Amino acid sequence: GSLRLSCAASGRTFSTYTMGWFRQVPGKEREFVGAISRIGSYAFYAYY
C-alpha cells in the first residue's frame, strides 16, 4: 500500500532549508530516508 506523510514548518525562510526524513525503530539508530535540498534560487533536488 501507500501513505503520504506531511511536515508543516513554521518560519519565513522555509525555502532555504534542506528538509529531511528519517525513521527509527526501537533499539536502532535513526535512519536516513531522504531529503530535498535547494540548488540555485528556485530549483530543488531530492536524494534517497
All heavy atoms as atom14 arrays in JSON, in Angstrom:
{
  "sequence": "GSLRLSCAASGRTFSTYTMGWFRQVPGKEREFVGAISRIGSYAFYAYY",
  "atom14_mask": [
    [1, 1, 1, 1, 0, 0, 0, 0, 0, 0, 0, 0, 0, 0],
    [1, 1, 1, 1, 1, 1, 0, 0, 0, 0, 0, 0, 0, 0],
    [1, 1, 1, 1, 1, 1, 1, 1, 0, 0, 0, 0, 0, 0],
    [1, 1, 1, 1, 1, 1, 1, 1, 1, 1, 1, 0, 0, 0],
    [1, 1, 1, 1, 1, 1, 1, 1, 0, 0, 0, 0, 0, 0],
    [1, 1, 1, 1, 1, 1, 0, 0, 0, 0, 0, 0, 0, 0],
    [1, 1, 1, 1, 1, 1, 0, 0, 0, 0, 0, 0, 0, 0],
    [1, 1, 1, 1, 1, 0, 0, 0, 0, 0, 0, 0, 0, 0],
    [1, 1, 1, 1, 1, 0, 0, 0, 0, 0, 0, 0, 0, 0],
    [1, 1, 1, 1, 1, 1, 0, 0, 0, 0, 0, 0, 0, 0],
    [1, 1, 1, 1, 0, 0, 0, 0, 0, 0, 0, 0, 0, 0],
    [1, 1, 1, 1, 1, 1, 1, 1, 1, 1, 1, 0, 0, 0],
    [1, 1, 1, 1, 1, 1, 1, 0, 0, 0, 0, 0, 0, 0],
    [1, 1, 1, 1, 1, 1, 1, 1, 1, 1, 1, 0, 0, 0],
    [1, 1, 1, 1, 1, 1, 0, 0, 0, 0, 0, 0, 0, 0],
    [1, 1, 1, 1, 1, 1, 1, 0, 0, 0, 0, 0, 0, 0],
    [1, 1, 1, 1, 1, 1, 1, 1, 1, 1, 1, 1, 0, 0],
    [1, 1, 1, 1, 1, 1, 1, 0, 0, 0, 0, 0, 0, 0],
    [1, 1, 1, 1, 1, 1, 1, 1, 0, 0, 0, 0, 0, 0],
    [1, 1, 1, 1, 0, 0, 0, 0, 0, 0, 0, 0, 0, 0],
    [1, 1, 1, 1, 1, 1, 1, 1, 1, 1, 1, 1, 1, 1],
    [1, 1, 1, 1, 1, 1, 1, 1, 1, 1, 1, 0, 0, 0],
    [1, 1, 1, 1, 1, 1, 1, 1, 1, 1, 1, 0, 0, 0],
    [1, 1, 1, 1, 1, 1, 1, 1, 1, 0, 0, 0, 0, 0],
    [1, 1, 1, 1, 1, 1, 1, 0, 0, 0, 0, 0, 0, 0],
    [1, 1, 1, 1, 1, 1, 1, 0, 0, 0, 0, 0, 0, 0],
    [1, 1, 1, 1, 0, 0, 0, 0, 0, 0, 0, 0, 0, 0],
    [1, 1, 1, 1, 1, 1, 1, 1, 1, 0, 0, 0, 0, 0],
    [1, 1, 1, 1, 1, 1, 1, 1, 1, 0, 0, 0, 0, 0],
    [1, 1, 1, 1, 1, 1, 1, 1, 1, 1, 1, 0, 0, 0],
    [1, 1, 1, 1, 1, 1, 1, 1, 1, 0, 0, 0, 0, 0],
    [1, 1, 1, 1, 1, 1, 1, 1, 1, 1, 1, 0, 0, 0],
    [1, 1, 1, 1, 1, 1, 1, 0, 0, 0, 0, 0, 0, 0],
    [1, 1, 1, 1, 0, 0, 0, 0, 0, 0, 0, 0, 0, 0],
    [1, 1, 1, 1, 1, 0, 0, 0, 0, 0, 0, 0, 0, 0],
    [1, 1, 1, 1, 1, 1, 1, 1, 0, 0, 0, 0, 0, 0],
    [1, 1, 1, 1, 1, 1, 0, 0, 0, 0, 0, 0, 0, 0],
    [1, 1, 1, 1, 1, 1, 1, 1, 1, 1, 1, 0, 0, 0],
    [1, 1, 1, 1, 1, 1, 1, 1, 0, 0, 0, 0, 0, 0],
    [1, 1, 1, 1, 0, 0, 0, 0, 0, 0, 0, 0, 0, 0],
    [1, 1, 1, 1, 1, 1, 0, 0, 0, 0, 0, 0, 0, 0],
    [1, 1, 1, 1, 1, 1, 1, 1, 1, 1, 1, 1, 0, 0],
    [1, 1, 1, 1, 1, 0, 0, 0, 0, 0, 0, 0, 0, 0],
    [1, 1, 1, 1, 1, 1, 1, 1, 1, 1, 1, 0, 0, 0],
    [1, 1, 1, 1, 1, 1, 1, 1, 1, 1, 1, 1, 0, 0],
    [1, 1, 1, 1, 1, 0, 0, 0, 0, 0, 0, 0, 0, 0],
    [1, 1, 1, 1, 1, 1, 1, 1, 1, 1, 1, 1, 0, 0],
    [1, 1, 1, 1, 1, 1, 1, 1, 1, 1, 1, 1, 0, 0]
  ],
  "atom14_positions": [
    [[0.81, -1.21, 0.0], [0.0, 0.0, 0.0], [0.84, 1.26, 0.0], [2.07, 1.22, -0.1], [0.0, 0.0, 0.0], [0.0, 0.0, 0.0], [0.0, 0.0, 0.0], [0.0, 0.0, 0.0], [0.0, 0.0, 0.0], [0.0, 0.0, 0.0], [0.0, 0.0, 0.0], [0.0, 0.0, 0.0], [0.0, 0.0, 0.0], [0.0, 0.0, 0.0]],
    [[0.13, 2.39, 0.13], [0.78, 3.7, 0.08], [0.33, 4.58, 1.24], [-0.79, 4.42, 1.76], [0.43, 4.41, -1.23], [0.89, 3.7, -2.35], [0.0, 0.0, 0.0], [0.0, 0.0, 0.0], [0.0, 0.0, 0.0], [0.0, 0.0, 0.0], [0.0, 0.0, 0.0], [0.0, 0.0, 0.0], [0.0, 0.0, 0.0], [0.0, 0.0, 0.0]],
    [[1.2, 5.49, 1.61], [0.87, 6.53, 2.58], [1.61, 7.8, 2.16], [2.68, 7.72, 1.55], [1.35, 6.17, 3.99], [0.48, 5.29, 4.88], [1.19, 5.01, 6.19], [-0.88, 5.91, 5.13], [0.0, 0.0, 0.0], [0.0, 0.0, 0.0], [0.0, 0.0, 0.0], [0.0, 0.0, 0.0], [0.0, 0.0, 0.0], [0.0, 0.0, 0.0]],
    [[1.04, 8.94, 2.51], [1.74, 10.2, 2.31], [1.86, 10.92, 3.64], [0.84, 11.21, 4.28], [1.02, 11.09, 1.29], [1.86, 12.31, 0.94], [1.24, 13.19, -0.12], [0.22, 14.07, 0.42], [-0.15, 15.22, -0.16], [0.41, 15.61, -1.29], [-1.1, 15.96, 0.38], [0.0, 0.0, 0.0], [0.0, 0.0, 0.0], [0.0, 0.0, 0.0]],
    [[3.09, 11.18, 4.02], [3.35, 11.96, 5.22], [3.53, 13.43, 4.84], [4.07, 13.74, 3.78], [4.61, 11.46, 5.93], [4.66, 9.98, 6.28], [5.93, 9.68, 7.07], [3.44, 9.54, 7.04], [0.0, 0.0, 0.0], [0.0, 0.0, 0.0], [0.0, 0.0, 0.0], [0.0, 0.0, 0.0], [0.0, 0.0, 0.0], [0.0, 0.0, 0.0]],
    [[3.09, 14.28, 5.74], [3.27, 15.71, 5.56], [4.05, 16.27, 6.75], [3.96, 15.75, 7.86], [1.92, 16.42, 5.48], [1.16, 15.97, 4.4], [0.0, 0.0, 0.0], [0.0, 0.0, 0.0], [0.0, 0.0, 0.0], [0.0, 0.0, 0.0], [0.0, 0.0, 0.0], [0.0, 0.0, 0.0], [0.0, 0.0, 0.0], [0.0, 0.0, 0.0]],
    [[4.78, 17.32, 6.49], [5.51, 18.01, 7.56], [5.33, 19.51, 7.34], [5.82, 20.06, 6.35], [6.98, 17.63, 7.52], [8.01, 18.57, 8.67], [0.0, 0.0, 0.0], [0.0, 0.0, 0.0], [0.0, 0.0, 0.0], [0.0, 0.0, 0.0], [0.0, 0.0, 0.0], [0.0, 0.0, 0.0], [0.0, 0.0, 0.0], [0.0, 0.0, 0.0]],
    [[4.61, 20.12, 8.25], [4.36, 21.56, 8.18], [5.39, 22.29, 9.03], [5.63, 21.92, 10.18], [2.95, 21.87, 8.68], [0.0, 0.0, 0.0], [0.0, 0.0, 0.0], [0.0, 0.0, 0.0], [0.0, 0.0, 0.0], [0.0, 0.0, 0.0], [0.0, 0.0, 0.0], [0.0, 0.0, 0.0], [0.0, 0.0, 0.0], [0.0, 0.0, 0.0]],
    [[5.99, 23.3, 8.43], [7.06, 24.04, 9.11], [6.65, 25.48, 9.37], [5.94, 26.09, 8.57], [8.32, 24.01, 8.25], [0.0, 0.0, 0.0], [0.0, 0.0, 0.0], [0.0, 0.0, 0.0], [0.0, 0.0, 0.0], [0.0, 0.0, 0.0], [0.0, 0.0, 0.0], [0.0, 0.0, 0.0], [0.0, 0.0, 0.0], [0.0, 0.0, 0.0]],
    [[7.13, 26.0, 10.48], [6.95, 27.42, 10.76], [8.18, 28.16, 10.24], [9.2, 27.54, 9.92], [6.82, 27.65, 12.26], [8.03, 27.3, 12.91], [0.0, 0.0, 0.0], [0.0, 0.0, 0.0], [0.0, 0.0, 0.0], [0.0, 0.0, 0.0], [0.0, 0.0, 0.0], [0.0, 0.0, 0.0], [0.0, 0.0, 0.0], [0.0, 0.0, 0.0]],
    [[8.12, 29.46, 10.18], [9.3, 30.23, 9.79], [9.2, 30.76, 8.37], [8.64, 30.1, 7.49], [0.0, 0.0, 0.0], [0.0, 0.0, 0.0], [0.0, 0.0, 0.0], [0.0, 0.0, 0.0], [0.0, 0.0, 0.0], [0.0, 0.0, 0.0], [0.0, 0.0, 0.0], [0.0, 0.0, 0.0], [0.0, 0.0, 0.0], [0.0, 0.0, 0.0]],
    [[9.79, 31.94, 8.16], [9.66, 32.59, 6.86], [10.77, 32.21, 5.89], [10.75, 32.63, 4.76], [9.66, 34.11, 7.05], [8.38, 34.62, 7.68], [8.41, 36.13, 7.82], [9.21, 36.53, 8.97], [9.39, 37.78, 9.34], [8.85, 38.76, 8.66], [10.12, 38.07, 10.4], [0.0, 0.0, 0.0], [0.0, 0.0, 0.0], [0.0, 0.0, 0.0]],
    [[11.74, 31.41, 6.34], [12.84, 31.04, 5.46], [12.8, 29.57, 5.09], [13.82, 28.97, 4.79], [14.19, 31.37, 6.13], [14.26, 30.66, 7.39], [14.32, 32.85, 6.37], [0.0, 0.0, 0.0], [0.0, 0.0, 0.0], [0.0, 0.0, 0.0], [0.0, 0.0, 0.0], [0.0, 0.0, 0.0], [0.0, 0.0, 0.0], [0.0, 0.0, 0.0]],
    [[11.61, 29.01, 5.09], [11.45, 27.57, 4.82], [12.13, 27.17, 3.53], [12.78, 26.13, 3.46], [9.97, 27.24, 4.76], [9.67, 25.84, 4.31], [9.82, 24.77, 5.18], [9.23, 25.58, 3.01], [9.55, 23.47, 4.78], [8.96, 24.29, 2.6], [9.11, 23.24, 3.49], [0.0, 0.0, 0.0], [0.0, 0.0, 0.0], [0.0, 0.0, 0.0]],
    [[12.01, 27.96, 2.48], [12.52, 27.56, 1.17], [14.03, 27.43, 1.15], [14.58, 26.8, 0.25], [12.05, 28.54, 0.09], [12.63, 29.82, 0.31], [0.0, 0.0, 0.0], [0.0, 0.0, 0.0], [0.0, 0.0, 0.0], [0.0, 0.0, 0.0], [0.0, 0.0, 0.0], [0.0, 0.0, 0.0], [0.0, 0.0, 0.0], [0.0, 0.0, 0.0]],
    [[14.71, 28.01, 2.11], [16.17, 27.93, 2.11], [16.69, 26.68, 2.83], [17.87, 26.35, 2.72], [16.79, 29.15, 2.82], [16.44, 29.12, 4.21], [16.29, 30.44, 2.2], [0.0, 0.0, 0.0], [0.0, 0.0, 0.0], [0.0, 0.0, 0.0], [0.0, 0.0, 0.0], [0.0, 0.0, 0.0], [0.0, 0.0, 0.0], [0.0, 0.0, 0.0]],
    [[15.83, 26.0, 3.55], [16.26, 24.83, 4.34], [16.26, 23.56, 3.51], [15.38, 23.33, 2.67], [15.35, 24.64, 5.54], [15.63, 25.58, 6.68], [15.01, 26.82, 6.76], [16.53, 25.23, 7.67], [15.27, 27.68, 7.8], [16.8, 26.09, 8.72], [16.17, 27.32, 8.78], [16.43, 28.17, 9.81], [0.0, 0.0, 0.0], [0.0, 0.0, 0.0]],
    [[17.23, 22.71, 3.78], [17.13, 21.32, 3.37], [16.18, 20.63, 4.34], [16.31, 20.76, 5.56], [18.51, 20.64, 3.44], [19.31, 21.13, 2.36], [18.38, 19.13, 3.31], [0.0, 0.0, 0.0], [0.0, 0.0, 0.0], [0.0, 0.0, 0.0], [0.0, 0.0, 0.0], [0.0, 0.0, 0.0], [0.0, 0.0, 0.0], [0.0, 0.0, 0.0]],
    [[15.22, 19.9, 3.78], [14.24, 19.18, 4.59], [14.49, 17.68, 4.43], [14.56, 17.16, 3.32], [12.82, 19.52, 4.14], [12.5, 21.0, 4.26], [12.61, 21.62, 5.94], [11.33, 20.66, 6.75], [0.0, 0.0, 0.0], [0.0, 0.0, 0.0], [0.0, 0.0, 0.0], [0.0, 0.0, 0.0], [0.0, 0.0, 0.0], [0.0, 0.0, 0.0]],
    [[14.63, 17.01, 5.54], [14.93, 15.59, 5.51], [13.87, 14.76, 6.2], [13.08, 15.26, 7.0], [0.0, 0.0, 0.0], [0.0, 0.0, 0.0], [0.0, 0.0, 0.0], [0.0, 0.0, 0.0], [0.0, 0.0, 0.0], [0.0, 0.0, 0.0], [0.0, 0.0, 0.0], [0.0, 0.0, 0.0], [0.0, 0.0, 0.0], [0.0, 0.0, 0.0]],
    [[13.86, 13.48, 5.85], [13.03, 12.5, 6.52], [13.93, 11.39, 7.05], [14.82, 10.9, 6.34], [12.0, 11.9, 5.57], [10.88, 12.82, 5.21], [10.79, 13.61, 4.1], [9.68, 13.04, 5.95], [9.62, 14.31, 4.11], [8.91, 13.98, 5.25], [9.17, 12.54, 7.16], [7.66, 14.42, 5.69], [7.94, 12.98, 7.6], [7.2, 13.92, 6.88]],
    [[13.68, 11.02, 8.28], [14.38, 9.92, 8.94], [13.34, 8.97, 9.52], [12.18, 9.33, 9.67], [15.28, 10.44, 10.06], [16.5, 11.17, 9.58], [16.41, 12.45, 9.07], [17.75, 10.57, 9.64], [17.53, 13.13, 8.62], [18.88, 11.23, 9.2], [18.76, 12.52, 8.7], [0.0, 0.0, 0.0], [0.0, 0.0, 0.0], [0.0, 0.0, 0.0]],
    [[13.78, 7.79, 9.88], [12.89, 6.86, 10.56], [13.68, 6.1, 11.63], [14.91, 5.97, 11.53], [12.24, 5.89, 9.58], [13.2, 4.97, 8.85], [12.44, 4.2, 7.78], [13.3, 3.26, 7.08], [12.92, 2.56, 6.01], [11.68, 2.72, 5.51], [13.75, 1.71, 5.44], [0.0, 0.0, 0.0], [0.0, 0.0, 0.0], [0.0, 0.0, 0.0]],
    [[12.94, 5.61, 12.6], [13.59, 4.92, 13.7], [12.67, 3.84, 14.25], [11.46, 4.05, 14.42], [13.94, 5.92, 14.82], [14.83, 5.34, 15.89], [15.36, 6.42, 16.82], [14.77, 7.49, 16.98], [16.5, 6.15, 17.45], [0.0, 0.0, 0.0], [0.0, 0.0, 0.0], [0.0, 0.0, 0.0], [0.0, 0.0, 0.0], [0.0, 0.0, 0.0]],
    [[13.28, 2.69, 14.51], [12.57, 1.61, 15.2], [13.23, 1.43, 16.56], [14.41, 1.76, 16.73], [12.6, 0.29, 14.39], [11.87, 0.48, 13.07], [14.02, -0.18, 14.15], [0.0, 0.0, 0.0], [0.0, 0.0, 0.0], [0.0, 0.0, 0.0], [0.0, 0.0, 0.0], [0.0, 0.0, 0.0], [0.0, 0.0, 0.0], [0.0, 0.0, 0.0]],
    [[12.51, 0.92, 17.52], [13.07, 0.78, 18.88], [14.37, -0.02, 18.87], [14.46, -1.07, 18.21], [11.96, 0.06, 19.64], [10.72, 0.43, 18.93], [11.09, 0.53, 17.48], [0.0, 0.0, 0.0], [0.0, 0.0, 0.0], [0.0, 0.0, 0.0], [0.0, 0.0, 0.0], [0.0, 0.0, 0.0], [0.0, 0.0, 0.0], [0.0, 0.0, 0.0]],
    [[15.36, 0.5, 19.58], [16.61, -0.2, 19.72], [17.59, 0.01, 18.57], [18.69, -0.56, 18.58], [0.0, 0.0, 0.0], [0.0, 0.0, 0.0], [0.0, 0.0, 0.0], [0.0, 0.0, 0.0], [0.0, 0.0, 0.0], [0.0, 0.0, 0.0], [0.0, 0.0, 0.0], [0.0, 0.0, 0.0], [0.0, 0.0, 0.0], [0.0, 0.0, 0.0]],
    [[17.19, 0.82, 17.59], [18.07, 1.06, 16.45], [18.33, 2.55, 16.29], [17.59, 3.4, 16.79], [17.46, 0.5, 15.16], [17.43, -1.02, 15.12], [17.12, -1.51, 13.71], [17.24, -3.01, 13.61], [16.99, -3.5, 12.24], [0.0, 0.0, 0.0], [0.0, 0.0, 0.0], [0.0, 0.0, 0.0], [0.0, 0.0, 0.0], [0.0, 0.0, 0.0]],
    [[19.4, 2.85, 15.56], [19.75, 4.23, 15.26], [18.7, 4.84, 14.31], [18.07, 4.13, 13.54], [21.12, 4.29, 14.57], [22.28, 3.75, 15.38], [22.93, 4.86, 16.2], [22.96, 6.0, 15.72], [23.38, 4.56, 17.3], [0.0, 0.0, 0.0], [0.0, 0.0, 0.0], [0.0, 0.0, 0.0], [0.0, 0.0, 0.0], [0.0, 0.0, 0.0]],
    [[18.59, 6.15, 14.39], [17.73, 6.85, 13.46], [18.34, 6.74, 12.06], [19.52, 6.99, 11.87], [17.58, 8.31, 13.89], [16.44, 9.04, 13.25], [16.13, 10.32, 13.97], [15.54, 10.06, 15.28], [15.0, 11.01, 16.07], [15.0, 12.27, 15.65], [14.48, 10.7, 17.24], [0.0, 0.0, 0.0], [0.0, 0.0, 0.0], [0.0, 0.0, 0.0]],
    [[17.51, 6.38, 11.09], [17.98, 6.07, 9.75], [17.53, 7.13, 8.75], [16.35, 7.52, 8.73], [17.4, 4.71, 9.33], [17.73, 4.26, 7.94], [16.91, 3.04, 7.51], [15.86, 2.77, 8.12], [17.33, 2.37, 6.54], [0.0, 0.0, 0.0], [0.0, 0.0, 0.0], [0.0, 0.0, 0.0], [0.0, 0.0, 0.0], [0.0, 0.0, 0.0]],
    [[18.45, 7.54, 7.91], [18.14, 8.5, 6.85], [17.22, 7.84, 5.82], [17.48, 6.72, 5.37], [19.43, 8.97, 6.19], [19.23, 9.85, 4.99], [18.83, 11.16, 5.13], [19.45, 9.35, 3.71], [18.65, 11.98, 4.02], [19.28, 10.15, 2.59], [18.89, 11.47, 2.75], [0.0, 0.0, 0.0], [0.0, 0.0, 0.0], [0.0, 0.0, 0.0]],
    [[16.17, 8.54, 5.44], [15.25, 8.07, 4.41], [15.47, 8.86, 3.12], [15.63, 8.29, 2.04], [13.78, 8.22, 4.87], [12.82, 7.89, 3.73], [13.52, 7.33, 6.07], [0.0, 0.0, 0.0], [0.0, 0.0, 0.0], [0.0, 0.0, 0.0], [0.0, 0.0, 0.0], [0.0, 0.0, 0.0], [0.0, 0.0, 0.0], [0.0, 0.0, 0.0]],
    [[15.48, 10.17, 3.23], [15.68, 11.01, 2.07], [15.64, 12.47, 2.47], [15.29, 12.8, 3.6], [0.0, 0.0, 0.0], [0.0, 0.0, 0.0], [0.0, 0.0, 0.0], [0.0, 0.0, 0.0], [0.0, 0.0, 0.0], [0.0, 0.0, 0.0], [0.0, 0.0, 0.0], [0.0, 0.0, 0.0], [0.0, 0.0, 0.0], [0.0, 0.0, 0.0]],
    [[15.98, 13.33, 1.52], [15.97, 14.76, 1.79], [15.78, 15.51, 0.48], [15.96, 14.95, -0.6], [17.26, 15.19, 2.48], [0.0, 0.0, 0.0], [0.0, 0.0, 0.0], [0.0, 0.0, 0.0], [0.0, 0.0, 0.0], [0.0, 0.0, 0.0], [0.0, 0.0, 0.0], [0.0, 0.0, 0.0], [0.0, 0.0, 0.0], [0.0, 0.0, 0.0]],
    [[15.43, 16.77, 0.63], [15.28, 17.63, -0.54], [15.98, 18.95, -0.24], [15.72, 19.6, 0.76], [13.79, 17.81, -0.92], [13.65, 18.61, -2.21], [12.98, 18.41, 0.22], [12.26, 18.51, -2.84], [0.0, 0.0, 0.0], [0.0, 0.0, 0.0], [0.0, 0.0, 0.0], [0.0, 0.0, 0.0], [0.0, 0.0, 0.0], [0.0, 0.0, 0.0]],
    [[16.91, 19.32, -1.13], [17.76, 20.48, -0.93], [17.58, 21.48, -2.07], [17.21, 21.1, -3.18], [19.23, 20.07, -0.87], [19.48, 19.2, 0.19], [0.0, 0.0, 0.0], [0.0, 0.0, 0.0], [0.0, 0.0, 0.0], [0.0, 0.0, 0.0], [0.0, 0.0, 0.0], [0.0, 0.0, 0.0], [0.0, 0.0, 0.0], [0.0, 0.0, 0.0]],
    [[17.9, 22.72, -1.77], [17.79, 23.75, -2.79], [19.09, 23.84, -3.58], [20.17, 23.75, -3.01], [17.46, 25.1, -2.16], [17.08, 26.15, -3.17], [16.59, 27.41, -2.5], [17.69, 28.21, -1.99], [17.57, 29.47, -1.6], [16.38, 30.05, -1.63], [18.6, 30.13, -1.14], [0.0, 0.0, 0.0], [0.0, 0.0, 0.0], [0.0, 0.0, 0.0]],
    [[18.96, 24.01, -4.89], [20.11, 24.33, -5.72], [19.75, 25.59, -6.5], [18.68, 25.68, -7.07], [20.5, 23.18, -6.66], [19.28, 22.65, -7.46], [21.15, 22.06, -5.91], [19.65, 21.64, -8.52], [0.0, 0.0, 0.0], [0.0, 0.0, 0.0], [0.0, 0.0, 0.0], [0.0, 0.0, 0.0], [0.0, 0.0, 0.0], [0.0, 0.0, 0.0]],
    [[20.65, 26.55, -6.5], [20.34, 27.8, -7.18], [19.24, 28.54, -6.44], [19.03, 28.34, -5.24], [0.0, 0.0, 0.0], [0.0, 0.0, 0.0], [0.0, 0.0, 0.0], [0.0, 0.0, 0.0], [0.0, 0.0, 0.0], [0.0, 0.0, 0.0], [0.0, 0.0, 0.0], [0.0, 0.0, 0.0], [0.0, 0.0, 0.0], [0.0, 0.0, 0.0]],
    [[18.49, 29.35, -7.14], [17.47, 30.18, -6.5], [16.11, 29.49, -6.4], [15.35, 29.73, -5.46], [17.3, 31.49, -7.29], [18.5, 32.23, -7.28], [0.0, 0.0, 0.0], [0.0, 0.0, 0.0], [0.0, 0.0, 0.0], [0.0, 0.0, 0.0], [0.0, 0.0, 0.0], [0.0, 0.0, 0.0], [0.0, 0.0, 0.0], [0.0, 0.0, 0.0]],
    [[15.82, 28.64, -7.37], [14.46, 28.11, -7.42], [14.36, 26.6, -7.58], [13.29, 26.05, -7.46], [13.69, 28.76, -8.58], [13.65, 30.27, -8.49], [14.43, 31.04, -9.34], [12.85, 30.9, -7.55], [14.4, 32.43, -9.25], [12.82, 32.27, -7.45], [13.59, 33.04, -8.3], [13.56, 34.4, -8.21], [0.0, 0.0, 0.0], [0.0, 0.0, 0.0]],
    [[15.45, 25.95, -7.83], [15.39, 24.52, -8.1], [15.71, 23.72, -6.84], [16.44, 24.18, -5.95], [16.37, 24.15, -9.21], [0.0, 0.0, 0.0], [0.0, 0.0, 0.0], [0.0, 0.0, 0.0], [0.0, 0.0, 0.0], [0.0, 0.0, 0.0], [0.0, 0.0, 0.0], [0.0, 0.0, 0.0], [0.0, 0.0, 0.0], [0.0, 0.0, 0.0]],
    [[15.14, 22.54, -6.79], [15.37, 21.63, -5.67], [15.68, 20.24, -6.21], [15.25, 19.89, -7.3], [14.13, 21.56, -4.77], [13.84, 22.86, -4.08], [13.09, 23.85, -4.71], [14.31, 23.1, -2.81], [12.83, 25.06, -4.08], [14.05, 24.3, -2.16], [13.32, 25.28, -2.8], [0.0, 0.0, 0.0], [0.0, 0.0, 0.0], [0.0, 0.0, 0.0]],
    [[16.43, 19.49, -5.44], [16.65, 18.11, -5.83], [16.51, 17.22, -4.62], [16.81, 17.62, -3.48], [18.02, 17.92, -6.51], [19.2, 17.94, -5.57], [19.82, 16.75, -5.19], [19.68, 19.13, -5.07], [20.9, 16.77, -4.32], [20.76, 19.15, -4.2], [21.37, 17.96, -3.84], [22.42, 17.99, -2.98], [0.0, 0.0, 0.0], [0.0, 0.0, 0.0]],
    [[16.03, 16.01, -4.86], [15.8, 15.05, -3.79], [16.77, 13.89, -3.92], [17.17, 13.52, -5.03], [14.37, 14.55, -3.82], [0.0, 0.0, 0.0], [0.0, 0.0, 0.0], [0.0, 0.0, 0.0], [0.0, 0.0, 0.0], [0.0, 0.0, 0.0], [0.0, 0.0, 0.0], [0.0, 0.0, 0.0], [0.0, 0.0, 0.0], [0.0, 0.0, 0.0]],
    [[17.14, 13.32, -2.79], [18.03, 12.17, -2.78], [17.55, 11.24, -1.68], [16.94, 11.69, -0.7], [19.5, 12.56, -2.6], [19.75, 13.65, -1.58], [20.19, 13.34, -0.3], [19.56, 14.99, -1.91], [20.43, 14.34, 0.63], [19.78, 15.99, -0.99], [20.23, 15.66, 0.27], [20.46, 16.65, 1.21], [0.0, 0.0, 0.0], [0.0, 0.0, 0.0]],
    [[17.84, 9.95, -1.86], [17.2, 8.93, -1.05], [18.19, 7.86, -0.59], [19.2, 7.61, -1.25], [16.09, 8.25, -1.86], [15.07, 9.2, -2.42], [15.23, 9.75, -3.68], [13.95, 9.56, -1.67], [14.3, 10.64, -4.19], [13.01, 10.45, -2.18], [13.19, 10.98, -3.44], [12.26, 11.86, -3.94], [0.0, 0.0, 0.0], [0.0, 0.0, 0.0]]
  ]
}
